């Protein structure tokens, strides 16, 4: 399979991070209007409008009945947000599984198509070789006549016996020449049959590709929605817990103290984010072409068909890194998928897109071990996740894929070697 080598810069910027609670615009944030839920197309706008505000908390503090009502509203909001986040994650897992199944069918058909074409090309080359050899033998046997025997033989193969007889050569054609002729005809017929089969497979492949693209788009949107729902749940819980403390504990929490805590968390998050953008070279040095090893460890399973996967085609290379070890961006790029919930056999899964549409993918990430978000730009060597054993995995390792055109896979070992990086 032809691969496209590319490299990109190492400067990282952040396109968008849904998990960030923005300090700017707190007045709007504290109005707690969530908008439309991402789960199953249902609207939570009316419920969101009823979220308790700090004004509600302040007014209810000295009124036992009012306090009880606000507390009930807060607890109901917490339950609803948790349910929304769980539903969004379930939806993301379902869409991810659908995409994974579609992608597996596409990859299997792509492999079949490529194999058929390779076999057709080999049969055609065999026919060419046999026909050339026939011509050479015939040229040595023919000593008279001005006709082009080789051209006549090949152009009129069905009448070869008559042609040779008319030339007075039938008695001189050796058994070897006859065998070569039969071999040439058989190889040419085989080549044509395989070419026809490859054309049919290509048409089927295009249909499967469209289905895989559509499934990926839905999985991508569902994963993003799940990420945002989780962020919403986490952010609101912090605020609602502070409101409950203001209403039920002896310590008198205030909106000002809550906002100060938000600012501190935001500053800590920003600092951690900036630190994460500094390339971590635990997995090895960055090559001159701008690539790095995605994880340390030995190769435990190769690309393609292997005894580890029976009749299934393995779409990547497994690297036996230890549990919790770092997973690093193989090159600078943008996060186009960050699974919140398992993605079929991959478990927790990340896809990065690099220059030229090339993509790399990272699977079996430990639960809670995804350190990047959809739309985020990362530099080569950035720690994006931690090794786990989620999905179809019997032990901690990284499943690493390279997709040169974004869809078709190629052998990561060969590709990375071309980038100056040795896996394993």
Protein backbone atom coordinates (compact mmCIF):
# COMPACT_ATOMS: atom_id res chain seq x y z
CA UNK A 1 0.00 0.00 0.00
CA UNK A 2 1.30 3.41 -0.92
CA UNK A 3 1.86 5.67 2.07
CA UNK A 4 2.21 9.42 2.20
CA UNK A 5 5.06 10.71 4.31
CA UNK A 6 4.52 14.05 5.91
CA UNK A 7 5.80 16.16 8.72
CA UNK A 8 4.43 19.18 10.48
CA UNK A 9 5.53 21.81 12.90
CA UNK A 10 5.85 21.37 16.63
CA UNK A 11 4.13 24.54 17.82
CA UNK A 12 0.93 23.56 19.60
CA UNK A 13 -2.18 25.66 20.03
CA UNK A 14 -5.50 24.81 21.55
CA UNK A 15 -8.45 25.00 19.21
CA UNK A 16 -11.12 24.27 21.78
CA UNK A 17 -11.42 22.50 25.10
CA UNK A 18 -14.99 21.75 26.21
CA UNK A 19 -13.90 20.72 29.72
CA UNK A 20 -12.63 24.20 30.51
CA UNK A 21 -14.86 26.27 32.75
CA UNK A 22 -14.41 29.80 31.42
CA UNK A 23 -13.83 32.48 34.04
CA UNK A 24 -14.81 35.10 31.49
CA UNK A 25 -18.53 35.71 31.34
CA UNK A 26 -19.50 34.39 34.78
CA UNK A 27 -22.74 36.31 34.77
CA UNK A 28 -23.90 34.27 31.80
CA UNK A 29 -22.41 31.07 33.20
CA UNK A 30 -24.10 31.50 36.56
CA UNK A 31 -27.47 32.00 34.94
CA UNK A 32 -27.17 28.22 34.40
CA UNK A 33 -29.06 28.02 31.16
CA UNK A 34 -27.79 24.83 29.60
CA UNK A 35 -29.66 24.85 26.30
CA UNK A 36 -30.56 21.71 24.38
CA UNK A 37 -29.43 18.31 25.61
CA UNK A 38 -27.21 16.26 23.31
CA UNK A 39 -28.81 12.99 24.32
CA UNK A 40 -31.43 11.41 22.09
CA UNK A 41 -32.44 14.81 20.75
CA UNK A 42 -34.43 15.74 23.87
CA UNK A 43 -34.51 19.29 25.15
CA UNK A 44 -33.42 20.11 28.69
CA UNK A 45 -33.77 23.87 28.20
CA UNK A 46 -36.78 24.18 30.49
CA UNK A 47 -35.08 22.20 33.22
CA UNK A 48 -31.86 24.18 32.83
CA UNK A 49 -33.75 27.44 33.23
CA UNK A 50 -34.91 26.18 36.61
CA UNK A 51 -31.39 25.58 37.96
CA UNK A 52 -30.96 27.40 41.27
CA UNK A 53 -28.79 30.53 41.15
CA UNK A 54 -26.70 32.11 43.89
CA UNK A 55 -29.44 34.72 44.25
CA UNK A 56 -31.87 31.91 45.06
CA UNK A 57 -29.41 30.57 47.63
CA UNK A 58 -28.90 33.95 49.27
CA UNK A 59 -32.65 34.63 49.48
CA UNK A 60 -33.42 31.17 50.90
CA UNK A 61 -30.72 31.10 53.59
CA UNK A 62 -32.85 32.51 56.40
CA UNK A 63 -36.07 30.76 55.44
CA UNK A 64 -36.27 27.06 56.33
CA UNK A 65 -39.05 26.26 53.87
CA UNK A 66 -37.34 28.15 51.04
CA UNK A 67 -34.04 26.48 51.88
CA UNK A 68 -35.64 23.06 51.64
CA UNK A 69 -37.09 23.83 48.20
CA UNK A 70 -33.77 25.13 46.84
CA UNK A 71 -31.93 22.09 48.23
CA UNK A 72 -34.44 19.80 46.48
CA UNK A 73 -33.94 21.69 43.22
CA UNK A 74 -30.16 21.39 43.52
CA UNK A 75 -30.29 17.66 44.22
CA UNK A 76 -32.71 17.11 41.33
CA UNK A 77 -30.38 19.07 39.04
CA UNK A 78 -27.42 16.91 40.10
CA UNK A 79 -29.36 13.72 39.37
CA UNK A 80 -30.48 15.02 35.98
CA UNK A 81 -26.99 16.13 34.97
CA UNK A 82 -25.53 12.78 35.95
CA UNK A 83 -28.22 10.99 33.94
CA UNK A 84 -27.57 13.22 30.93
CA UNK A 85 -23.83 12.53 31.08
CA UNK A 86 -24.38 8.78 31.39
CA UNK A 87 -26.86 8.76 28.49
CA UNK A 88 -24.47 10.77 26.32
CA UNK A 89 -21.64 8.37 27.08
CA UNK A 90 -23.83 5.37 26.28
CA UNK A 91 -24.81 6.99 22.99
CA UNK A 92 -21.15 7.65 22.20
CA UNK A 93 -20.28 4.00 22.89
CA UNK A 94 -23.10 2.77 20.66
CA UNK A 95 -22.10 5.08 17.80
CA UNK A 96 -18.45 4.15 18.30
CA UNK A 97 -19.29 0.45 18.07
CA UNK A 98 -21.27 1.03 14.87
CA UNK A 99 -18.36 2.91 13.34
CA UNK A 100 -15.90 0.25 14.44
CA UNK A 101 -17.96 -2.45 12.77
CA UNK A 102 -18.25 -0.39 9.57
CA UNK A 103 -14.53 0.34 9.58
CA UNK A 104 -13.66 -3.33 10.09
CA UNK A 105 -15.79 -4.29 7.08
CA UNK A 106 -14.16 -1.56 5.02
CA UNK A 107 -10.62 -2.60 6.00
CA UNK A 108 -11.36 -6.26 5.23
CA UNK A 109 -12.73 -5.36 1.80
CA UNK A 110 -9.78 -3.04 1.15
CA UNK A 111 -7.38 -5.87 1.93
CA UNK A 112 -9.33 -8.25 -0.33
CA UNK A 113 -9.36 -5.70 -3.16
CA UNK A 114 -5.64 -5.07 -2.87
CA UNK A 115 -4.90 -8.81 -2.82
CA UNK A 116 -7.04 -9.44 -5.91
CA UNK A 117 -5.29 -6.67 -7.81
CA UNK A 118 -1.86 -7.93 -6.78
CA UNK A 119 -2.81 -11.44 -7.95
CA UNK A 120 -4.16 -10.05 -11.24
CA UNK A 121 -0.95 -8.10 -11.82
CA UNK A 122 1.13 -11.20 -11.05
CA UNK A 123 -0.89 -13.35 -13.48
CA UNK A 124 -0.59 -10.68 -16.18
CA UNK A 125 3.17 -10.52 -15.65
CA UNK A 126 3.34 -14.33 -15.90
CA UNK A 127 1.46 -14.22 -19.20
CA UNK A 128 3.77 -11.50 -20.52
CA UNK A 129 6.82 -13.54 -19.58
CA UNK A 130 5.47 -16.72 -21.25
CA UNK A 131 4.54 -14.86 -24.43
CA UNK A 132 7.97 -13.27 -24.61
CA UNK A 133 9.60 -16.67 -24.17
CA UNK A 134 7.44 -18.16 -26.94
CA UNK A 135 8.56 -15.39 -29.26
CA UNK A 136 12.20 -16.01 -28.46
CA UNK A 137 11.90 -19.75 -29.15
CA UNK A 138 9.95 -19.21 -32.35
CA UNK A 139 12.48 -16.65 -33.60
CA UNK A 140 15.31 -19.15 -33.17
CA UNK A 141 13.39 -21.88 -35.02
CA UNK A 142 12.23 -19.75 -37.91
CA UNK A 143 14.90 -19.20 -40.55
CA UNK A 144 12.74 -18.46 -43.55
CA UNK A 145 9.89 -16.14 -44.43
CA UNK A 146 9.52 -12.42 -43.86
CA UNK A 147 6.57 -12.57 -41.48
CA UNK A 148 6.76 -11.57 -37.84
CA UNK A 149 6.11 -14.97 -36.24
CA UNK A 150 5.99 -13.66 -32.69
CA UNK A 151 3.38 -11.02 -33.54
CA UNK A 152 1.31 -13.52 -35.50
CA UNK A 153 1.39 -16.06 -32.69
CA UNK A 154 0.24 -13.59 -30.08
CA UNK A 155 -2.33 -11.84 -32.26
CA UNK A 156 -3.85 -15.10 -33.53
CA UNK A 157 -3.36 -17.42 -30.59
CA UNK A 158 -6.61 -19.24 -31.24
CA UNK A 159 -5.35 -20.22 -34.69
CA UNK A 160 -1.80 -20.94 -33.59
CA UNK A 161 -1.75 -24.53 -34.89
CA UNK A 162 -2.94 -23.49 -38.35
CA UNK A 163 -0.45 -20.63 -38.47
CA UNK A 164 2.47 -22.85 -37.51
CA UNK A 165 1.40 -25.50 -40.03
CA UNK A 166 1.18 -22.93 -42.84
CA UNK A 167 4.67 -21.78 -41.98
CA UNK A 168 5.93 -25.31 -42.09
CA UNK A 169 6.96 -25.20 -38.45
CA UNK A 170 4.50 -27.57 -36.74
CA UNK A 171 6.98 -30.40 -36.73
CA UNK A 172 9.63 -28.23 -35.11
CA UNK A 173 7.63 -26.77 -32.21
CA UNK A 174 8.99 -28.32 -29.08
CA UNK A 175 7.03 -29.62 -26.12
CA UNK A 176 8.44 -26.69 -24.15
CA UNK A 177 6.98 -24.14 -26.56
CA UNK A 178 3.57 -25.81 -26.45
CA UNK A 179 3.61 -25.80 -22.64
CA UNK A 180 4.58 -22.13 -22.62
CA UNK A 181 1.73 -21.32 -24.96
CA UNK A 182 -0.79 -23.07 -22.71
CA UNK A 183 0.68 -21.33 -19.69
CA UNK A 184 0.41 -17.92 -21.38
CA UNK A 185 -3.25 -18.44 -22.31
CA UNK A 186 -4.15 -19.71 -18.83
CA UNK A 187 -2.30 -16.86 -17.10
CA UNK A 188 -3.98 -14.26 -19.32
CA UNK A 189 -7.42 -15.70 -18.58
CA UNK A 190 -6.62 -15.78 -14.87
CA UNK A 191 -5.43 -12.18 -14.96
CA UNK A 192 -8.64 -11.08 -16.63
CA UNK A 193 -10.79 -12.99 -14.14
CA UNK A 194 -8.93 -11.53 -11.17
CA UNK A 195 -9.07 -8.02 -12.64
CA UNK A 196 -12.85 -8.34 -13.04
CA UNK A 197 -13.14 -9.56 -9.43
CA UNK A 198 -10.99 -6.64 -8.24
CA UNK A 199 -13.27 -4.18 -10.06
CA UNK A 200 -16.32 -5.65 -8.35
CA UNK A 201 -14.53 -5.49 -5.00
CA UNK A 202 -13.60 -1.85 -5.63
CA UNK A 203 -17.23 -0.95 -6.24
CA UNK A 204 -18.23 -2.70 -3.00
CA UNK A 205 -15.35 -0.99 -1.22
CA UNK A 206 -16.61 2.46 -2.22
CA UNK A 207 -20.03 1.67 -0.72
CA UNK A 208 -18.41 0.46 2.50
CA UNK A 209 -16.22 3.56 2.63
CA UNK A 210 -19.23 5.85 2.45
CA UNK A 211 -20.91 3.88 5.22
CA UNK A 212 -17.75 4.04 7.35
CA UNK A 213 -17.39 7.79 6.81
CA UNK A 214 -20.99 8.40 7.84
CA UNK A 215 -20.63 6.16 10.88
CA UNK A 216 -17.42 7.92 11.89
CA UNK A 217 -19.07 11.34 11.61
CA UNK A 218 -21.86 10.17 13.92
CA UNK A 219 -19.40 8.59 16.35
CA UNK A 220 -17.30 11.75 16.31
CA UNK A 221 -20.32 13.95 17.08
CA UNK A 222 -21.53 11.58 19.80
CA UNK A 223 -18.09 11.50 21.45
CA UNK A 224 -17.93 15.30 21.40
CA UNK A 225 -21.45 15.52 22.87
CA UNK A 226 -20.50 13.06 25.62
CA UNK A 227 -17.41 15.10 26.42
CA UNK A 228 -19.47 18.27 26.71
CA UNK A 229 -22.16 16.55 28.80
CA UNK A 230 -19.49 15.26 31.17
CA UNK A 231 -17.93 18.72 31.39
CA UNK A 232 -21.34 20.21 32.13
CA UNK A 233 -21.99 17.64 34.85
CA UNK A 234 -18.57 18.14 36.46
CA UNK A 235 -18.73 21.94 36.38
CA UNK A 236 -22.29 22.16 37.69
CA UNK A 237 -21.58 19.65 40.45
CA UNK A 238 -18.80 21.84 41.82
CA UNK A 239 -21.12 24.83 41.92
CA UNK A 240 -24.13 22.94 43.25
CA UNK A 241 -22.02 21.36 45.99
CA UNK A 242 -20.92 24.87 46.99
CA UNK A 243 -24.55 26.02 47.02
CA UNK A 244 -25.57 23.06 49.17
CA UNK A 245 -22.78 23.88 51.58
CA UNK A 246 -24.05 27.46 51.77
CA UNK A 247 -27.53 26.22 52.62
CA UNK A 248 -26.84 23.26 54.91
CA UNK A 249 -23.50 23.72 56.65
CA UNK A 250 -22.38 25.96 59.45
CA UNK A 251 -19.73 27.44 57.21
CA UNK A 252 -21.26 30.27 55.24
CA UNK A 253 -20.08 29.70 51.66
CA UNK A 254 -20.56 32.63 49.29
CA UNK A 255 -20.62 33.19 45.57
CA UNK A 256 -17.40 35.18 45.89
CA UNK A 257 -15.58 32.26 47.52
CA UNK A 258 -16.94 29.91 44.89
CA UNK A 259 -15.72 32.15 42.06
CA UNK A 260 -12.31 32.44 43.67
CA UNK A 261 -12.11 28.65 43.71
CA UNK A 262 -13.07 28.55 40.03
CA UNK A 263 -10.31 31.03 39.19
CA UNK A 264 -7.75 28.97 41.06
CA UNK A 265 -8.81 25.78 39.30
CA UNK A 266 -8.73 27.52 35.94
CA UNK A 267 -5.22 28.83 36.60
CA UNK A 268 -4.04 25.36 37.66
CA UNK A 269 -5.63 23.81 34.57
CA UNK A 270 -4.01 26.37 32.28
CA UNK A 271 -0.62 25.72 33.85
CA UNK A 272 -1.05 21.96 33.49
CA UNK A 273 -2.15 22.40 29.89
CA UNK A 274 0.90 24.53 29.09
CA UNK A 275 3.17 21.95 30.70
CA UNK A 276 1.54 19.16 28.71
CA UNK A 277 2.42 20.91 25.45
CA UNK A 278 6.13 20.54 26.16
CA UNK A 279 7.21 17.41 24.27
CA UNK A 280 7.87 14.51 26.65
CA UNK A 281 10.70 12.38 25.37
CA UNK A 282 10.11 9.35 27.59
CA UNK A 283 9.18 7.43 24.44
CA UNK A 284 12.34 8.46 22.58
CA UNK A 285 13.84 11.36 20.68
CA UNK A 286 11.97 13.23 17.97
CA UNK A 287 13.23 12.45 14.45
CA UNK A 288 14.29 15.08 11.93
CA UNK A 289 11.00 14.54 10.08
CA UNK A 290 9.02 15.45 13.21
CA UNK A 291 7.95 12.04 14.48
CA UNK A 292 8.34 10.21 17.81
CA UNK A 293 7.60 6.78 19.23
CA UNK A 294 4.02 6.73 20.60
CA UNK A 295 5.00 4.46 23.51
CA UNK A 296 7.90 2.49 24.88
CA UNK A 297 7.95 -1.30 24.90
CA UNK A 298 8.34 -4.32 22.64
CA UNK A 299 6.05 -5.16 19.74
CA UNK A 300 3.61 -7.83 20.90
CA UNK A 301 1.48 -8.13 17.75
CA UNK A 302 2.20 -7.11 14.18
CA UNK A 303 0.09 -5.47 11.49
CA UNK A 304 -1.99 -7.73 9.24
CA UNK A 305 -2.98 -11.34 9.72
CA UNK A 306 -1.28 -13.05 12.65
CA UNK A 307 -1.80 -15.99 14.99
CA UNK A 308 -2.89 -13.54 17.72
CA UNK A 309 -5.97 -12.55 15.74
CA UNK A 310 -6.95 -15.75 13.94
CA UNK A 311 -8.76 -14.92 10.70
CA UNK A 312 -9.19 -11.24 11.64
CA UNK A 313 -7.06 -8.53 10.09
CA UNK A 314 -5.10 -6.57 12.69
CA UNK A 315 -5.25 -2.91 11.67
CA UNK A 316 -2.29 -1.72 13.74
CA UNK A 317 0.78 -2.68 15.75
CA UNK A 318 0.58 -3.54 19.45
CA UNK A 319 3.29 -2.14 21.71
CA UNK A 320 3.56 -3.83 25.10
CA UNK A 321 3.87 -0.76 27.29
CA UNK A 322 3.17 -1.13 31.00
CA UNK A 323 -0.13 -0.18 32.62
CA UNK A 324 -0.37 3.57 33.16
CA UNK A 325 2.64 4.34 30.93
CA UNK A 326 2.46 7.42 28.75
CA UNK A 327 1.08 7.50 25.22
CA UNK A 328 2.55 10.28 23.09
CA UNK A 329 1.51 12.07 19.91
CA UNK A 330 3.51 10.42 17.14
CA UNK A 331 3.57 13.75 15.30
CA UNK A 332 2.03 17.20 15.61
CA UNK A 333 -1.65 17.24 14.80
CA UNK A 334 -5.24 17.84 15.85
CA UNK A 335 -7.51 15.58 17.89
CA UNK A 336 -10.36 14.47 15.62
CA UNK A 337 -11.68 11.77 17.95
CA UNK A 338 -11.40 11.34 21.70
CA UNK A 339 -13.70 8.54 22.80
CA UNK A 340 -15.73 9.09 25.95
CA UNK A 341 -16.75 5.51 26.42
CA UNK A 342 -15.39 2.39 24.76
CA UNK A 343 -15.10 2.30 20.99
CA UNK A 344 -15.72 -1.34 20.13
CA UNK A 345 -12.65 -3.52 20.46
CA UNK A 346 -10.42 -0.46 20.75
CA UNK A 347 -11.72 0.49 24.18
CA UNK A 348 -10.91 4.11 24.94
CA UNK A 349 -9.56 5.53 21.71
CA UNK A 350 -7.93 8.67 20.25
CA UNK A 351 -7.39 9.70 16.62
CA UNK A 352 -5.01 12.49 15.61
CA UNK A 353 -5.00 14.08 12.17
CA UNK A 354 -1.68 15.30 10.78
CA UNK A 355 -0.53 17.16 7.66
CA UNK A 356 -1.94 15.88 4.37
CA UNK A 357 -4.91 14.14 6.01
CA UNK A 358 -2.75 11.38 7.49
CA UNK A 359 -4.09 10.04 10.78
CA UNK A 360 -2.68 8.06 13.68
CA UNK A 361 -4.83 6.22 16.21
CA UNK A 362 -4.25 5.02 19.77
CA UNK A 363 -6.36 2.31 21.43
CA UNK A 364 -6.89 0.42 24.72
CA UNK A 365 -6.35 3.59 26.79
CA UNK A 366 -7.01 3.17 30.51
CA UNK A 367 -10.36 4.44 31.82
CA UNK A 368 -9.93 8.12 32.69
CA UNK A 369 -6.62 8.15 30.81
CA UNK A 370 -7.52 10.42 27.89
CA UNK A 371 -5.66 13.72 28.41
CA UNK A 372 -6.81 15.60 25.29
CA UNK A 373 -10.10 16.82 23.88
CA UNK A 374 -11.74 16.99 20.47
CA UNK A 375 -10.37 19.88 18.41
CA UNK A 376 -7.20 20.25 20.49
CA UNK A 377 -3.88 20.82 18.71
CA UNK A 378 -0.96 18.84 20.10
CA UNK A 379 2.78 18.94 19.44
CA UNK A 380 4.82 15.89 18.58
CA UNK A 381 5.77 14.04 21.77
CA UNK A 382 2.89 15.49 23.81
CA UNK A 383 1.49 13.03 26.35
CA UNK A 384 -2.06 12.48 25.13
CA UNK A 385 -3.12 9.44 27.16
CA UNK A 386 -2.10 6.57 29.44
CA UNK A 387 -1.78 2.90 28.54
CA UNK A 388 -4.55 0.54 29.63
CA UNK A 389 -6.26 -2.68 28.64
CA UNK A 390 -9.78 -1.55 27.67
CA UNK A 391 -11.72 -3.10 24.80
CA UNK A 392 -10.63 -6.42 23.31
CA UNK A 393 -7.39 -6.62 25.26
CA UNK A 394 -5.91 -9.25 27.55
CA UNK A 395 -3.16 -7.08 29.00
CA UNK A 396 -1.89 -3.50 29.06
CA UNK A 397 -0.54 -2.32 25.71
CA UNK A 398 -0.96 0.37 23.07
CA UNK A 399 -2.70 -0.44 19.81
CA UNK A 400 -1.15 2.02 17.33
CA UNK A 401 -2.46 2.65 13.81
CA UNK A 402 -1.33 4.71 10.83
CA UNK A 403 -3.88 5.70 8.17
CA UNK A 404 -2.11 7.53 5.30
CA UNK A 405 -5.29 8.89 3.66
CA UNK A 406 -7.31 9.00 6.85
CA UNK A 407 -9.07 5.69 6.16
CA UNK A 408 -6.87 2.93 4.75
CA UNK A 409 -4.39 1.47 7.21
CA UNK A 410 -0.73 0.66 6.58
CA UNK A 411 2.00 -1.14 8.52
CA UNK A 412 3.04 1.25 11.34
CA UNK A 413 6.47 -0.36 11.65
CA UNK A 414 7.39 0.29 8.01
CA UNK A 415 5.82 3.74 8.00
CA UNK A 416 7.53 4.88 11.18
CA UNK A 417 10.85 3.48 9.96
CA UNK A 418 10.46 5.80 6.98
CA UNK A 419 10.12 8.66 9.45
CA UNK A 420 13.29 7.70 11.29
CA UNK A 421 11.50 6.03 14.22
CA UNK A 422 11.89 2.41 15.26
CA UNK A 423 8.92 0.87 17.03
CA UNK A 424 9.50 -1.75 19.69
